[in-house]
Amino acid sequence: MFELNAVLERDSILVGSFPLSQLRLINDCQFVWFILVPQRDEITEIYQLCEEDRQQLMAESCLLAETLHDAFSADKLNVAALGNQVPQLHLHHVVRYTTDACWPGPIWGRLPAISYTEEELANILQKVHSLLGDDLILPSAKPS
């Protein structure tokens, strides 16, 4: 049975689920930063997914990437599966701007996270739900 890594659960908010992956928002308002977490047990690398799941993950990732790039007018979109600190497979999607505090370097570990306010969180969730609502299964309870 799928179980979300405790660090991912602590640091992110459930946005909804695609057929394979949970879509989660990293709780750091300095960046528009989402992760896809395939709902499969004991998977740490993309190649460990079966072929069908790999194709589904790439479809979900491309849909998310294009949506974020366009909706947030990104200068660049960073997509990465690192796993150095959290081994559970998760794919980062980070909207980047040439004006952001870490540009052009990576964002990981550079700045302490600043949590979203309730209003900011409601706004970004509403925007993403309106853009991806046809493709997402939305959480029935308050996001965690």
N, C-alpha and C. Protein backbone atom coordinates (compact mmCIF):
# COMPACT_ATOMS: atom_id res chain seq x y z
N MET A 1 0.84 -1.18 0.00
CA MET A 1 0.00 0.00 0.00
C MET A 1 0.88 1.25 0.00
N PHE A 2 0.54 2.23 -0.81
CA PHE A 2 1.32 3.45 -0.93
C PHE A 2 1.29 4.24 0.37
N GLU A 3 2.48 4.69 0.76
CA GLU A 3 2.60 5.55 1.94
C GLU A 3 3.55 6.69 1.58
N LEU A 4 3.07 7.93 1.78
CA LEU A 4 3.87 9.11 1.48
C LEU A 4 4.97 9.27 2.52
N ASN A 5 6.16 9.58 2.04
CA ASN A 5 7.29 9.87 2.93
C ASN A 5 6.93 11.00 3.88
N ALA A 6 7.32 10.87 5.14
CA ALA A 6 6.96 11.85 6.17
C ALA A 6 7.50 13.25 5.86
N VAL A 7 8.67 13.35 5.27
CA VAL A 7 9.24 14.67 4.94
C VAL A 7 8.41 15.33 3.83
N LEU A 8 8.04 14.56 2.82
CA LEU A 8 7.21 15.12 1.75
C LEU A 8 5.85 15.55 2.30
N GLU A 9 5.30 14.76 3.20
CA GLU A 9 4.01 15.12 3.80
C GLU A 9 4.12 16.39 4.62
N ARG A 10 5.20 16.51 5.38
CA ARG A 10 5.42 17.69 6.23
C ARG A 10 5.63 18.96 5.42
N ASP A 11 6.36 18.85 4.32
CA ASP A 11 6.80 20.02 3.56
C ASP A 11 5.88 20.40 2.40
N SER A 12 4.79 19.67 2.21
CA SER A 12 3.95 19.93 1.05
C SER A 12 2.47 19.80 1.38
N ILE A 13 1.67 20.27 0.45
CA ILE A 13 0.22 20.29 0.59
C ILE A 13 -0.38 19.53 -0.57
N LEU A 14 -1.28 18.62 -0.28
CA LEU A 14 -1.93 17.84 -1.33
C LEU A 14 -2.81 18.76 -2.17
N VAL A 15 -2.59 18.73 -3.48
CA VAL A 15 -3.39 19.51 -4.43
C VAL A 15 -4.45 18.62 -5.05
N GLY A 16 -4.08 17.39 -5.36
CA GLY A 16 -4.98 16.43 -5.98
C GLY A 16 -4.18 15.25 -6.47
N SER A 17 -4.85 14.37 -7.21
CA SER A 17 -4.18 13.18 -7.73
C SER A 17 -4.48 13.01 -9.21
N PHE A 18 -3.44 12.68 -9.93
CA PHE A 18 -3.56 12.22 -11.30
C PHE A 18 -3.74 10.70 -11.25
N PRO A 19 -3.91 10.03 -12.37
CA PRO A 19 -4.07 8.57 -12.32
C PRO A 19 -2.92 7.84 -11.61
N LEU A 20 -1.69 8.32 -11.75
CA LEU A 20 -0.54 7.68 -11.11
C LEU A 20 -0.06 8.43 -9.88
N SER A 21 0.02 9.72 -9.95
CA SER A 21 0.77 10.51 -8.97
C SER A 21 -0.09 11.45 -8.15
N GLN A 22 0.35 11.65 -6.91
CA GLN A 22 -0.17 12.76 -6.13
C GLN A 22 0.50 14.03 -6.66
N LEU A 23 -0.27 15.10 -6.76
CA LEU A 23 0.27 16.42 -7.05
C LEU A 23 0.29 17.18 -5.74
N ARG A 24 1.47 17.66 -5.35
CA ARG A 24 1.63 18.34 -4.08
C ARG A 24 2.35 19.67 -4.31
N LEU A 25 1.98 20.66 -3.53
CA LEU A 25 2.59 21.99 -3.57
C LEU A 25 3.57 22.09 -2.42
N ILE A 26 4.83 22.41 -2.71
CA ILE A 26 5.80 22.63 -1.64
C ILE A 26 5.41 23.92 -0.92
N ASN A 27 5.37 23.84 0.40
CA ASN A 27 4.89 24.97 1.21
C ASN A 27 6.01 26.00 1.40
N ASP A 28 6.34 26.66 0.29
CA ASP A 28 7.35 27.72 0.29
C ASP A 28 6.91 28.76 -0.74
N CYS A 29 6.38 29.87 -0.24
CA CYS A 29 5.79 30.87 -1.15
C CYS A 29 6.83 31.64 -1.97
N GLN A 30 8.11 31.40 -1.76
CA GLN A 30 9.14 32.08 -2.54
C GLN A 30 9.24 31.54 -3.97
N PHE A 31 8.69 30.33 -4.18
CA PHE A 31 8.76 29.67 -5.48
C PHE A 31 7.44 29.00 -5.77
N VAL A 32 7.05 28.98 -7.04
CA VAL A 32 5.93 28.15 -7.47
C VAL A 32 6.55 26.77 -7.70
N TRP A 33 6.30 25.85 -6.76
CA TRP A 33 7.07 24.61 -6.69
C TRP A 33 6.13 23.46 -6.35
N PHE A 34 5.98 22.56 -7.29
CA PHE A 34 5.12 21.38 -7.12
C PHE A 34 5.96 20.12 -7.23
N ILE A 35 5.42 19.04 -6.69
CA ILE A 35 6.05 17.73 -6.89
C ILE A 35 4.98 16.74 -7.32
N LEU A 36 5.38 15.81 -8.14
CA LEU A 36 4.57 14.65 -8.49
C LEU A 36 5.16 13.46 -7.74
N VAL A 37 4.32 12.74 -7.03
CA VAL A 37 4.77 11.56 -6.27
C VAL A 37 4.00 10.35 -6.79
N PRO A 38 4.65 9.49 -7.59
CA PRO A 38 3.95 8.30 -8.05
C PRO A 38 3.49 7.46 -6.85
N GLN A 39 2.24 7.03 -6.89
CA GLN A 39 1.68 6.29 -5.78
C GLN A 39 1.99 4.80 -5.94
N ARG A 40 3.26 4.50 -5.80
CA ARG A 40 3.76 3.13 -5.89
C ARG A 40 4.70 2.90 -4.70
N ASP A 41 4.68 1.69 -4.18
CA ASP A 41 5.50 1.35 -3.02
C ASP A 41 6.97 1.14 -3.40
N GLU A 42 7.84 1.60 -2.53
CA GLU A 42 9.27 1.29 -2.57
C GLU A 42 9.92 1.59 -3.91
N ILE A 43 9.53 2.71 -4.51
CA ILE A 43 10.14 3.14 -5.78
C ILE A 43 10.99 4.37 -5.49
N THR A 44 12.25 4.30 -5.88
CA THR A 44 13.16 5.43 -5.67
C THR A 44 13.66 6.04 -6.98
N GLU A 45 13.50 5.34 -8.08
CA GLU A 45 14.01 5.79 -9.37
C GLU A 45 12.95 5.59 -10.45
N ILE A 46 12.96 6.44 -11.46
CA ILE A 46 11.98 6.34 -12.53
C ILE A 46 12.07 5.00 -13.24
N TYR A 47 13.28 4.49 -13.47
CA TYR A 47 13.43 3.23 -14.20
C TYR A 47 12.81 2.05 -13.47
N GLN A 48 12.56 2.18 -12.16
CA GLN A 48 11.95 1.09 -11.40
C GLN A 48 10.44 0.96 -11.65
N LEU A 49 9.85 1.99 -12.22
CA LEU A 49 8.43 1.92 -12.57
C LEU A 49 8.26 0.99 -13.77
N CYS A 50 7.12 0.32 -13.84
CA CYS A 50 6.84 -0.47 -15.03
C CYS A 50 6.68 0.48 -16.22
N GLU A 51 6.77 -0.05 -17.41
CA GLU A 51 6.72 0.78 -18.62
C GLU A 51 5.46 1.64 -18.66
N GLU A 52 4.32 1.06 -18.34
CA GLU A 52 3.06 1.81 -18.36
C GLU A 52 3.11 2.98 -17.37
N ASP A 53 3.64 2.74 -16.17
CA ASP A 53 3.75 3.80 -15.17
C ASP A 53 4.75 4.88 -15.58
N ARG A 54 5.85 4.48 -16.23
CA ARG A 54 6.81 5.48 -16.73
C ARG A 54 6.15 6.40 -17.75
N GLN A 55 5.39 5.81 -18.66
CA GLN A 55 4.70 6.62 -19.66
C GLN A 55 3.67 7.54 -19.01
N GLN A 56 2.96 7.02 -18.01
CA GLN A 56 1.96 7.83 -17.32
C GLN A 56 2.63 8.97 -16.56
N LEU A 57 3.76 8.71 -15.90
CA LEU A 57 4.48 9.75 -15.17
C LEU A 57 4.95 10.84 -16.13
N MET A 58 5.46 10.47 -17.27
CA MET A 58 5.91 11.47 -18.25
C MET A 58 4.73 12.28 -18.77
N ALA A 59 3.59 11.64 -18.99
CA ALA A 59 2.40 12.38 -19.45
C ALA A 59 1.95 13.37 -18.38
N GLU A 60 1.93 12.94 -17.12
CA GLU A 60 1.53 13.83 -16.03
C GLU A 60 2.53 14.97 -15.88
N SER A 61 3.81 14.66 -15.97
CA SER A 61 4.86 15.66 -15.83
C SER A 61 4.77 16.70 -16.94
N CYS A 62 4.58 16.25 -18.18
CA CYS A 62 4.50 17.19 -19.29
C CYS A 62 3.25 18.07 -19.19
N LEU A 63 2.13 17.49 -18.78
CA LEU A 63 0.91 18.28 -18.59
C LEU A 63 1.13 19.34 -17.51
N LEU A 64 1.70 18.94 -16.40
CA LEU A 64 1.97 19.87 -15.30
C LEU A 64 2.96 20.94 -15.74
N ALA A 65 4.05 20.54 -16.37
CA ALA A 65 5.09 21.49 -16.79
C ALA A 65 4.53 22.54 -17.74
N GLU A 66 3.80 22.12 -18.74
CA GLU A 66 3.25 23.07 -19.70
C GLU A 66 2.25 24.01 -19.03
N THR A 67 1.41 23.45 -18.16
CA THR A 67 0.42 24.26 -17.46
C THR A 67 1.09 25.30 -16.57
N LEU A 68 2.09 24.88 -15.80
CA LEU A 68 2.78 25.82 -14.90
C LEU A 68 3.53 26.88 -15.69
N HIS A 69 4.24 26.45 -16.73
CA HIS A 69 5.01 27.40 -17.54
C HIS A 69 4.11 28.49 -18.09
N ASP A 70 2.99 28.10 -18.65
CA ASP A 70 2.09 29.07 -19.27
C ASP A 70 1.33 29.90 -18.23
N ALA A 71 0.81 29.25 -17.20
CA ALA A 71 -0.04 29.94 -16.22
C ALA A 71 0.74 30.93 -15.37
N PHE A 72 2.02 30.65 -15.12
CA PHE A 72 2.81 31.50 -14.25
C PHE A 72 3.88 32.27 -15.03
N SER A 73 3.81 32.25 -16.36
CA SER A 73 4.72 33.01 -17.22
C SER A 73 6.19 32.80 -16.82
N ALA A 74 6.58 31.55 -16.73
CA ALA A 74 7.93 31.20 -16.31
C ALA A 74 8.97 31.64 -17.33
N ASP A 75 10.13 32.07 -16.82
CA ASP A 75 11.29 32.26 -17.68
C ASP A 75 11.92 30.91 -17.99
N LYS A 76 11.84 29.99 -17.03
CA LYS A 76 12.40 28.64 -17.15
C LYS A 76 11.63 27.74 -16.21
N LEU A 77 11.48 26.49 -16.55
CA LEU A 77 10.86 25.52 -15.66
C LEU A 77 11.89 24.45 -15.33
N ASN A 78 12.20 24.29 -14.05
CA ASN A 78 13.13 23.25 -13.63
C ASN A 78 12.33 22.01 -13.26
N VAL A 79 12.68 20.88 -13.88
CA VAL A 79 12.06 19.59 -13.58
C VAL A 79 13.18 18.65 -13.19
N ALA A 80 13.05 18.02 -12.00
CA ALA A 80 14.14 17.18 -11.52
C ALA A 80 13.64 16.11 -10.56
N ALA A 81 14.32 14.98 -10.59
CA ALA A 81 14.09 13.90 -9.63
C ALA A 81 15.43 13.67 -8.93
N LEU A 82 15.61 14.30 -7.78
CA LEU A 82 16.89 14.21 -7.08
C LEU A 82 16.93 13.01 -6.13
N GLY A 83 16.15 13.07 -5.07
CA GLY A 83 16.10 11.95 -4.14
C GLY A 83 17.28 11.81 -3.21
N ASN A 84 18.15 12.82 -3.14
CA ASN A 84 19.32 12.72 -2.27
C ASN A 84 18.94 12.76 -0.80
N GLN A 85 17.92 13.53 -0.45
CA GLN A 85 17.50 13.64 0.95
C GLN A 85 16.24 12.85 1.24
N VAL A 86 15.35 12.73 0.27
CA VAL A 86 14.12 11.95 0.41
C VAL A 86 14.15 10.89 -0.69
N PRO A 87 14.36 9.63 -0.34
CA PRO A 87 14.54 8.62 -1.37
C PRO A 87 13.28 8.27 -2.16
N GLN A 88 12.09 8.48 -1.60
CA GLN A 88 10.87 8.15 -2.33
C GLN A 88 10.82 8.96 -3.63
N LEU A 89 10.52 8.28 -4.73
CA LEU A 89 10.50 8.95 -6.02
C LEU A 89 9.50 10.11 -6.01
N HIS A 90 9.99 11.27 -6.35
CA HIS A 90 9.15 12.45 -6.51
C HIS A 90 9.83 13.35 -7.54
N LEU A 91 9.02 13.97 -8.35
CA LEU A 91 9.52 14.77 -9.47
C LEU A 91 9.17 16.23 -9.22
N HIS A 92 10.20 17.06 -9.03
CA HIS A 92 10.02 18.49 -8.78
C HIS A 92 9.69 19.23 -10.06
N HIS A 93 8.80 20.22 -9.95
CA HIS A 93 8.47 21.13 -11.05
C HIS A 93 8.50 22.53 -10.45
N VAL A 94 9.53 23.31 -10.79
CA VAL A 94 9.73 24.62 -10.18
C VAL A 94 9.71 25.69 -11.25
N VAL A 95 8.78 26.63 -11.09
CA VAL A 95 8.72 27.78 -11.98
C VAL A 95 9.86 28.71 -11.58
N ARG A 96 10.67 29.10 -12.56
CA ARG A 96 11.81 29.97 -12.28
C ARG A 96 11.69 31.27 -13.07
N TYR A 97 12.20 32.31 -12.43
CA TYR A 97 12.25 33.64 -13.04
C TYR A 97 13.68 34.17 -12.92
N THR A 98 14.11 34.93 -13.89
CA THR A 98 15.46 35.49 -13.84
C THR A 98 15.60 36.46 -12.66
N THR A 99 14.49 36.85 -12.08
CA THR A 99 14.49 37.77 -10.94
C THR A 99 14.38 37.06 -9.59
N ASP A 100 14.28 35.72 -9.57
CA ASP A 100 14.12 35.05 -8.27
C ASP A 100 15.44 35.06 -7.49
N ALA A 101 15.33 34.89 -6.20
CA ALA A 101 16.46 35.07 -5.27
C ALA A 101 17.62 34.11 -5.53
N CYS A 102 17.38 32.99 -6.18
CA CYS A 102 18.44 31.99 -6.41
C CYS A 102 18.93 31.92 -7.84
N TRP A 103 18.31 32.70 -8.72
CA TRP A 103 18.68 32.64 -10.14
C TRP A 103 20.14 33.00 -10.34
N PRO A 104 20.88 32.32 -11.16
CA PRO A 104 20.52 31.19 -12.00
C PRO A 104 20.79 29.84 -11.35
N GLY A 105 21.17 29.84 -10.08
CA GLY A 105 21.50 28.60 -9.40
C GLY A 105 20.28 27.80 -9.00
N PRO A 106 20.52 26.61 -8.44
CA PRO A 106 19.42 25.78 -7.97
C PRO A 106 18.78 26.40 -6.72
N ILE A 107 17.55 25.98 -6.42
CA ILE A 107 16.85 26.50 -5.25
C ILE A 107 17.02 25.63 -4.02
N TRP A 108 17.37 24.36 -4.21
CA TRP A 108 17.41 23.39 -3.12
C TRP A 108 18.42 23.79 -2.05
N GLY A 109 17.91 23.95 -0.83
CA GLY A 109 18.77 24.21 0.32
C GLY A 109 19.37 25.60 0.37
N ARG A 110 18.92 26.50 -0.47
CA ARG A 110 19.52 27.83 -0.53
C ARG A 110 18.89 28.82 0.44
N LEU A 111 17.56 28.78 0.58
CA LEU A 111 16.83 29.73 1.42
C LEU A 111 15.91 28.97 2.36
N PRO A 112 15.74 29.47 3.59
CA PRO A 112 14.75 28.83 4.46
C PRO A 112 13.35 29.03 3.87
N ALA A 113 12.53 27.99 3.98
CA ALA A 113 11.18 28.05 3.43
C ALA A 113 10.34 29.10 4.17
N ILE A 114 9.48 29.76 3.42
CA ILE A 114 8.49 30.69 3.98
C ILE A 114 7.12 30.12 3.60
N SER A 115 6.36 29.71 4.60
CA SER A 115 5.06 29.08 4.35
C SER A 115 4.09 30.05 3.70
N TYR A 116 3.19 29.50 2.91
CA TYR A 116 2.11 30.28 2.33
C TYR A 116 1.18 30.79 3.42
N THR A 117 0.65 31.99 3.25
CA THR A 117 -0.44 32.46 4.11
C THR A 117 -1.70 31.72 3.65
N GLU A 118 -2.73 31.74 4.45
CA GLU A 118 -3.98 31.09 4.05
C GLU A 118 -4.51 31.65 2.74
N GLU A 119 -4.42 32.97 2.58
CA GLU A 119 -4.91 33.61 1.36
C GLU A 119 -4.07 33.21 0.15
N GLU A 120 -2.74 33.24 0.30
CA GLU A 120 -1.86 32.84 -0.80
C GLU A 120 -2.12 31.38 -1.20
N LEU A 121 -2.27 30.53 -0.19
CA LEU A 121 -2.51 29.11 -0.46
C LEU A 121 -3.83 28.92 -1.19
N ALA A 122 -4.87 29.59 -0.72
CA ALA A 122 -6.17 29.48 -1.37
C ALA A 122 -6.09 29.94 -2.82
N ASN A 123 -5.36 31.01 -3.08
CA ASN A 123 -5.24 31.55 -4.44
C ASN A 123 -4.51 30.59 -5.37
N ILE A 124 -3.39 30.04 -4.93
CA ILE A 124 -2.63 29.16 -5.82
C ILE A 124 -3.37 27.84 -6.03
N LEU A 125 -4.01 27.33 -4.99
CA LEU A 125 -4.78 26.09 -5.16
C LEU A 125 -5.96 26.30 -6.10
N GLN A 126 -6.64 27.43 -5.97
CA GLN A 126 -7.77 27.72 -6.86
C GLN A 126 -7.29 27.82 -8.30
N LYS A 127 -6.16 28.47 -8.52
CA LYS A 127 -5.62 28.62 -9.87
C LYS A 127 -5.28 27.26 -10.48
N VAL A 128 -4.58 26.44 -9.71
CA VAL A 128 -4.17 25.12 -10.23
C VAL A 128 -5.39 24.22 -10.42
N HIS A 129 -6.32 24.25 -9.48
CA HIS A 129 -7.53 23.44 -9.63
C HIS A 129 -8.32 23.86 -10.87
N SER A 130 -8.40 25.16 -11.13
CA SER A 130 -9.14 25.61 -12.31
C SER A 130 -8.43 25.20 -13.61
N LEU A 131 -7.11 25.17 -13.60
CA LEU A 131 -6.35 24.81 -14.80
C LEU A 131 -6.28 23.30 -15.03
N LEU A 132 -6.20 22.53 -13.95
CA LEU A 132 -5.99 21.08 -14.07
C LEU A 132 -7.18 20.26 -13.57
N GLY A 133 -8.26 20.93 -13.20
CA GLY A 133 -9.39 20.25 -12.58
C GLY A 133 -9.96 19.09 -13.36
N ASP A 134 -9.92 19.17 -14.69
CA ASP A 134 -10.43 18.06 -15.51
C ASP A 134 -9.53 16.84 -15.45
N ASP A 135 -8.28 17.02 -15.08
CA ASP A 135 -7.32 15.93 -15.05
C ASP A 135 -7.00 15.43 -13.65
N LEU A 136 -7.40 16.21 -12.64
CA LEU A 136 -7.08 15.89 -11.24
C LEU A 136 -8.28 15.35 -10.50
N ILE A 137 -8.03 14.42 -9.61
CA ILE A 137 -9.01 14.04 -8.61
C ILE A 137 -8.70 14.92 -7.41
N LEU A 138 -9.63 15.78 -7.06
CA LEU A 138 -9.39 16.74 -5.98
C LEU A 138 -9.60 16.07 -4.63
N PRO A 139 -8.84 16.50 -3.64
CA PRO A 139 -9.01 15.93 -2.29
C PRO A 139 -10.39 16.29 -1.75
N SER A 140 -11.00 15.35 -1.05
CA SER A 140 -12.34 15.61 -0.52
C SER A 140 -12.29 16.36 0.79
N ALA A 141 -11.20 16.23 1.51
CA ALA A 141 -11.06 16.94 2.80
C ALA A 141 -10.08 18.09 2.62
N LYS A 142 -9.89 18.85 3.69
CA LYS A 142 -8.91 19.94 3.69
C LYS A 142 -7.55 19.38 3.33
N PRO A 143 -6.79 20.04 2.40
CA PRO A 143 -5.47 19.55 2.00
C PRO A 143 -4.56 19.40 3.20
N SER A 144 -3.70 18.35 3.13
CA SER A 144 -2.74 18.12 4.21
C SER A 144 -1.33 18.28 3.72
